[in-house]
């Protein structure tokens, strides 16, 4: 015989219903609170926010309004513009390849190993992010120039001269673009679970094998995002390039340098090249929207 339930005791179904009601009420309250927070903005915050938005968007809209749309195809296919565009694409891709070959191992060292002065090394790696590009070009010239600290030995021993060459463009772009890749890959490595590498090590894999077979597939999205950022930064580099590599058409004149030069003689050509760089920037942001833009 089943004993009677104690007075006031609730059965399973009766206890579930109030809990569901409380949860639904809590969710509704949270949604109402969030909606109330989005209804309006105080005027002291709304006015500066709208001015900031206009400050950022009006110059870009002016570029689109003043663009020579009818003559744009002819200008983008002209010999001078095509040379600058081709050189920019090739040099930015080469600089990204250099950043991948050197930057990914550096990011792994910063994220997975402990050594004396690691914080100082990380600060030095990120220094090109805040260093004026012209200063970076001067530093490259003093280091790799014909009379530079390293460049004099390259010239006397191997006959290699880097300044004012296409290789100099690649080095200048890699110098300013590599930190973007290192930061992205290091952050991805720190977020990745190191136990997968430890499990591979217990199965007899060396550290390099674990890195190649386990870690690289895990951090591939971070590497791809860092490579895209580095490529876009290299494509738009101006200061270090003109200081270290000069501005020689067909050899070192990239699109940003061509824009600067065309602005003095042919403003419509400068606008056309600027539109190309603007389209590349928009494509980069669109490609990284899932990584950066959340909660929209």
Protein backbone atom coordinates (compact mmCIF):
# COMPACT_ATOMS: atom_id res chain seq x y z
CA UNK A 1 0.00 0.00 0.00
CA UNK A 2 1.40 3.35 -0.98
CA UNK A 3 1.69 5.75 1.97
CA UNK A 4 -0.20 9.00 1.65
CA UNK A 5 1.75 12.05 0.74
CA UNK A 6 2.65 14.45 3.49
CA UNK A 7 0.53 17.56 3.76
CA UNK A 8 1.86 20.35 1.62
CA UNK A 9 4.14 18.03 -0.37
CA UNK A 10 4.23 18.79 -4.08
CA UNK A 11 4.29 16.16 -6.73
CA UNK A 12 6.72 16.18 -9.68
CA UNK A 13 4.44 17.88 -12.18
CA UNK A 14 3.36 20.53 -9.64
CA UNK A 15 6.95 21.49 -8.82
CA UNK A 16 7.91 21.69 -12.51
CA UNK A 17 5.21 24.20 -13.45
CA UNK A 18 6.15 26.98 -11.01
CA UNK A 19 9.82 26.54 -11.95
CA UNK A 20 8.99 26.99 -15.64
CA UNK A 21 6.90 30.02 -14.79
CA UNK A 22 9.72 31.55 -12.78
CA UNK A 23 12.21 30.91 -15.58
CA UNK A 24 9.91 32.35 -18.21
CA UNK A 25 9.24 35.35 -16.00
CA UNK A 26 12.97 35.86 -15.47
CA UNK A 27 13.67 35.65 -19.20
CA UNK A 28 10.87 38.07 -19.97
CA UNK A 29 12.16 40.48 -17.37
CA UNK A 30 15.66 40.33 -18.80
CA UNK A 31 14.34 40.96 -22.30
CA UNK A 32 12.28 43.89 -21.07
CA UNK A 33 15.29 45.35 -19.26
CA UNK A 34 17.46 45.04 -22.37
CA UNK A 35 14.74 46.56 -24.54
CA UNK A 36 14.32 49.41 -22.10
CA UNK A 37 18.05 50.09 -22.26
CA UNK A 38 17.90 50.34 -26.05
CA UNK A 39 14.86 52.59 -26.35
CA UNK A 40 16.61 55.89 -26.29
CA UNK A 41 19.85 57.69 -25.60
CA UNK A 42 20.39 60.88 -23.61
CA UNK A 43 21.11 63.92 -25.74
CA UNK A 44 24.62 64.52 -24.28
CA UNK A 45 25.60 61.04 -25.58
CA UNK A 46 23.51 60.98 -28.76
CA UNK A 47 24.87 64.19 -30.26
CA UNK A 48 28.62 63.35 -29.93
CA UNK A 49 27.93 59.82 -31.14
CA UNK A 50 26.20 61.06 -34.29
CA UNK A 51 29.01 63.58 -34.90
CA UNK A 52 31.61 60.83 -34.55
CA UNK A 53 29.71 58.64 -37.02
CA UNK A 54 29.50 61.51 -39.50
CA UNK A 55 33.20 62.28 -39.02
CA UNK A 56 34.09 58.71 -39.97
CA UNK A 57 31.60 58.20 -42.80
CA UNK A 58 31.45 61.55 -44.60
CA UNK A 59 35.01 61.33 -46.03
CA UNK A 60 34.31 57.82 -47.34
CA UNK A 61 31.02 58.96 -48.85
CA UNK A 62 32.78 61.92 -50.44
CA UNK A 63 35.22 59.50 -52.05
CA UNK A 64 32.32 57.58 -53.54
CA UNK A 65 30.48 60.72 -54.66
CA UNK A 66 33.49 62.24 -56.40
CA UNK A 67 34.67 59.00 -57.98
CA UNK A 68 34.98 59.07 -61.78
CA UNK A 69 32.69 56.10 -62.30
CA UNK A 70 32.47 56.45 -66.09
CA UNK A 71 36.20 56.51 -66.65
CA UNK A 72 37.01 54.17 -63.77
CA UNK A 73 37.49 50.99 -65.89
CA UNK A 74 39.84 52.81 -68.27
CA UNK A 75 41.86 54.29 -65.43
CA UNK A 76 42.21 51.01 -63.58
CA UNK A 77 43.43 49.29 -66.73
CA UNK A 78 46.00 51.93 -67.67
CA UNK A 79 49.64 50.88 -67.70
CA UNK A 80 50.72 53.04 -64.74
CA UNK A 81 47.84 52.03 -62.51
CA UNK A 82 48.19 48.36 -63.46
CA UNK A 83 51.89 48.39 -62.61
CA UNK A 84 51.21 49.84 -59.17
CA UNK A 85 48.30 47.46 -58.59
CA UNK A 86 50.25 44.40 -59.68
CA UNK A 87 53.28 45.35 -57.61
CA UNK A 88 51.11 45.99 -54.56
CA UNK A 89 49.37 42.64 -54.81
CA UNK A 90 52.60 40.72 -55.35
CA UNK A 91 54.55 42.50 -52.62
CA UNK A 92 51.70 42.29 -50.09
CA UNK A 93 51.33 38.56 -50.76
CA UNK A 94 55.09 38.02 -50.44
CA UNK A 95 55.17 40.05 -47.22
CA UNK A 96 52.33 37.94 -45.84
CA UNK A 97 54.24 34.76 -46.73
CA UNK A 98 57.29 36.08 -44.89
CA UNK A 99 55.09 36.94 -41.92
CA UNK A 100 53.62 33.43 -41.88
CA UNK A 101 56.97 31.67 -42.08
CA UNK A 102 58.53 33.78 -39.33
CA UNK A 103 55.53 34.99 -37.34
CA UNK A 104 53.78 31.71 -36.57
CA UNK A 105 56.85 30.16 -34.86
CA UNK A 106 57.38 33.42 -32.96
CA UNK A 107 53.78 33.39 -31.77
CA UNK A 108 54.19 29.77 -30.63
CA UNK A 109 57.30 30.69 -28.64
CA UNK A 110 55.48 33.56 -26.95
CA UNK A 111 52.42 31.45 -26.12
CA UNK A 112 53.87 28.04 -25.28
CA UNK A 113 57.33 28.58 -23.81
CA UNK A 114 58.71 30.38 -20.77
CA UNK A 115 61.97 32.25 -21.09
CA UNK A 116 63.64 35.19 -19.44
CA UNK A 117 62.38 38.51 -20.78
CA UNK A 118 59.34 37.14 -22.58
CA UNK A 119 57.32 40.25 -21.67
CA UNK A 120 60.00 42.49 -23.14
CA UNK A 121 60.10 40.41 -26.32
CA UNK A 122 56.33 40.62 -26.66
CA UNK A 123 56.47 44.40 -26.22
CA UNK A 124 59.18 44.68 -28.88
CA UNK A 125 57.16 42.50 -31.27
CA UNK A 126 54.16 44.79 -30.96
CA UNK A 127 56.24 47.96 -31.20
CA UNK A 128 55.75 48.37 -34.99
CA UNK A 129 52.02 48.70 -34.32
CA UNK A 130 52.53 52.05 -32.57
CA UNK A 131 55.80 53.09 -34.21
CA UNK A 132 55.39 55.70 -36.96
CA UNK A 133 55.95 53.91 -40.29
CA UNK A 134 58.51 56.50 -41.38
CA UNK A 135 60.55 55.71 -38.27
CA UNK A 136 60.33 52.03 -39.16
CA UNK A 137 61.64 52.83 -42.64
CA UNK A 138 64.57 54.77 -41.18
CA UNK A 139 65.33 51.87 -38.83
CA UNK A 140 65.30 49.43 -41.75
CA UNK A 141 67.58 51.72 -43.71
CA UNK A 142 70.07 51.92 -40.85
CA UNK A 143 69.96 48.14 -40.37
CA UNK A 144 69.77 46.81 -43.93
CA UNK A 145 71.06 49.73 -45.99
CA UNK A 146 74.31 49.51 -47.93
CA UNK A 147 76.12 51.07 -44.96
CA UNK A 148 73.78 49.61 -42.34
CA UNK A 149 74.61 47.42 -39.40
CA UNK A 150 73.70 44.24 -41.29
CA UNK A 151 73.41 45.58 -44.82
CA UNK A 152 77.10 46.34 -45.18
CA UNK A 153 77.93 42.67 -44.64
CA UNK A 154 75.22 41.58 -47.06
CA UNK A 155 76.67 43.92 -49.66
CA UNK A 156 80.33 43.00 -49.17
CA UNK A 157 79.89 39.25 -48.70
CA UNK A 158 76.98 38.39 -51.00
CA UNK A 159 76.50 41.49 -53.13
CA UNK A 160 72.91 41.87 -51.88
CA UNK A 161 71.45 45.39 -51.82
CA UNK A 162 67.95 45.66 -50.38
CA UNK A 163 67.03 49.38 -50.27
CA UNK A 164 65.20 50.84 -53.28
CA UNK A 165 64.37 47.39 -54.68
CA UNK A 166 61.23 45.28 -54.86
CA UNK A 167 62.67 43.06 -52.13
CA UNK A 168 62.97 46.18 -50.00
CA UNK A 169 59.24 46.81 -50.51
CA UNK A 170 58.48 43.29 -49.28
CA UNK A 171 60.69 43.71 -46.21
CA UNK A 172 59.20 47.10 -45.35
CA UNK A 173 55.66 45.73 -45.62
CA UNK A 174 56.52 42.61 -43.62
CA UNK A 175 58.07 44.75 -40.87
CA UNK A 176 54.83 46.65 -40.27
CA UNK A 177 52.43 43.76 -40.99
CA UNK A 178 53.96 40.84 -39.07
CA UNK A 179 52.85 42.04 -35.60
CA UNK A 180 49.20 41.74 -36.65
CA UNK A 181 49.71 38.06 -37.46
CA UNK A 182 51.78 37.36 -34.34
CA UNK A 183 49.15 38.88 -32.04
CA UNK A 184 46.31 37.01 -33.70
CA UNK A 185 48.09 33.63 -33.66
CA UNK A 186 49.35 34.06 -30.11
CA UNK A 187 45.84 34.82 -28.87
CA UNK A 188 44.50 31.75 -30.65
CA UNK A 189 47.26 29.58 -29.18
CA UNK A 190 46.52 30.79 -25.66
CA UNK A 191 42.84 29.96 -26.15
CA UNK A 192 43.60 26.48 -27.53
CA UNK A 193 43.62 23.60 -25.06
CA UNK A 194 47.26 22.41 -24.56
CA UNK A 195 46.06 18.99 -23.40
CA UNK A 196 45.75 17.88 -27.03
CA UNK A 197 49.47 18.49 -27.48
CA UNK A 198 50.19 16.68 -24.22
CA UNK A 199 48.12 13.71 -25.38
CA UNK A 200 50.08 13.60 -28.64
CA UNK A 201 53.33 13.68 -26.64
CA UNK A 202 52.21 10.71 -24.52
CA UNK A 203 51.66 8.78 -27.76
CA UNK A 204 55.27 9.34 -28.73
CA UNK A 205 54.99 12.41 -30.97
CA UNK A 206 57.74 14.99 -30.80
CA UNK A 207 56.91 18.60 -30.03
CA UNK A 208 57.29 19.59 -33.66
CA UNK A 209 55.09 16.69 -34.81
CA UNK A 210 52.46 17.66 -32.25
CA UNK A 211 52.64 21.23 -33.48
CA UNK A 212 52.33 20.19 -37.12
CA UNK A 213 49.66 17.51 -36.74
CA UNK A 214 47.64 18.78 -33.76
CA UNK A 215 48.23 22.47 -33.04
CA UNK A 216 48.20 23.84 -36.57
CA UNK A 217 44.74 22.44 -37.42
CA UNK A 218 43.40 23.85 -34.13
CA UNK A 219 44.70 27.37 -34.70
CA UNK A 220 44.08 27.49 -38.46
CA UNK A 221 41.24 30.06 -38.14
CA UNK A 222 43.48 32.36 -36.11
CA UNK A 223 46.30 32.00 -38.63
CA UNK A 224 43.91 32.78 -41.48
CA UNK A 225 42.57 35.87 -39.71
CA UNK A 226 46.08 37.08 -38.89
CA UNK A 227 47.21 36.48 -42.47
CA UNK A 228 44.31 38.51 -43.85
CA UNK A 229 45.05 41.39 -41.47
CA UNK A 230 48.75 41.27 -42.32
CA UNK A 231 47.99 41.24 -46.05
CA UNK A 232 45.66 44.23 -45.78
CA UNK A 233 48.17 46.15 -43.68
CA UNK A 234 50.95 45.38 -46.14
CA UNK A 235 48.79 46.46 -49.07
CA UNK A 236 48.19 49.87 -47.50
CA UNK A 237 51.72 50.51 -46.25
CA UNK A 238 53.19 53.89 -47.23
CA UNK A 239 55.68 55.42 -44.79
CA UNK A 240 58.17 52.58 -44.34
CA UNK A 241 57.99 51.71 -48.04
CA UNK A 242 58.79 55.17 -49.37
CA UNK A 243 61.56 55.64 -46.80
CA UNK A 244 63.29 52.30 -47.30
CA UNK A 245 62.39 51.36 -50.88
CA UNK A 246 61.75 54.70 -52.55
CA UNK A 247 59.17 55.51 -55.22
CA UNK A 248 60.30 54.07 -58.55
CA UNK A 249 57.51 53.22 -61.04
CA UNK A 250 57.37 49.55 -61.89
CA UNK A 251 59.89 48.61 -59.19
CA UNK A 252 58.90 50.09 -55.82
CA UNK A 253 55.85 52.27 -56.52
CA UNK A 254 52.93 50.54 -54.80
CA UNK A 255 49.33 51.72 -54.81
CA UNK A 256 49.58 54.02 -51.75
CA UNK A 257 52.65 55.67 -53.27
CA UNK A 258 50.89 55.94 -56.62
CA UNK A 259 47.91 57.58 -54.92
CA UNK A 260 50.18 60.15 -53.30
CA UNK A 261 51.91 60.91 -56.59
CA UNK A 262 48.72 60.98 -58.68
CA UNK A 263 47.03 63.34 -56.23
CA UNK A 264 49.39 66.09 -57.37
CA UNK A 265 48.95 65.58 -61.12
CA UNK A 266 45.81 63.49 -61.77
CA UNK A 267 43.32 63.60 -58.86
CA UNK A 268 40.86 61.29 -60.64
CA UNK A 269 43.50 58.57 -60.90
CA UNK A 270 44.21 59.02 -57.18
CA UNK A 271 40.50 58.60 -56.45
CA UNK A 272 40.36 55.45 -58.59
CA UNK A 273 43.27 53.87 -56.72
CA UNK A 274 41.78 54.94 -53.41
CA UNK A 275 38.58 53.15 -54.31
CA UNK A 276 40.53 49.95 -54.89
CA UNK A 277 42.12 50.22 -51.44
CA UNK A 278 38.72 51.02 -49.93
CA UNK A 279 37.20 47.93 -51.55
CA UNK A 280 40.01 45.77 -50.17
CA UNK A 281 39.48 47.15 -46.66
CA UNK A 282 35.74 46.47 -46.83
CA UNK A 283 36.42 42.94 -48.06
CA UNK A 284 38.78 42.34 -45.13
CA UNK A 285 36.21 43.53 -42.60
CA UNK A 286 33.51 41.43 -44.24
CA UNK A 287 35.74 38.37 -44.10
CA UNK A 288 36.46 38.87 -40.41
CA UNK A 289 32.95 39.81 -39.32
CA UNK A 290 32.33 36.44 -37.61
CA UNK A 291 35.53 36.85 -35.62
CA UNK A 292 35.08 40.47 -34.53
CA UNK A 293 31.41 41.33 -34.71
CA UNK A 294 29.34 39.43 -32.16
CA UNK A 295 26.08 40.14 -30.47
CA UNK A 296 24.63 42.14 -33.36
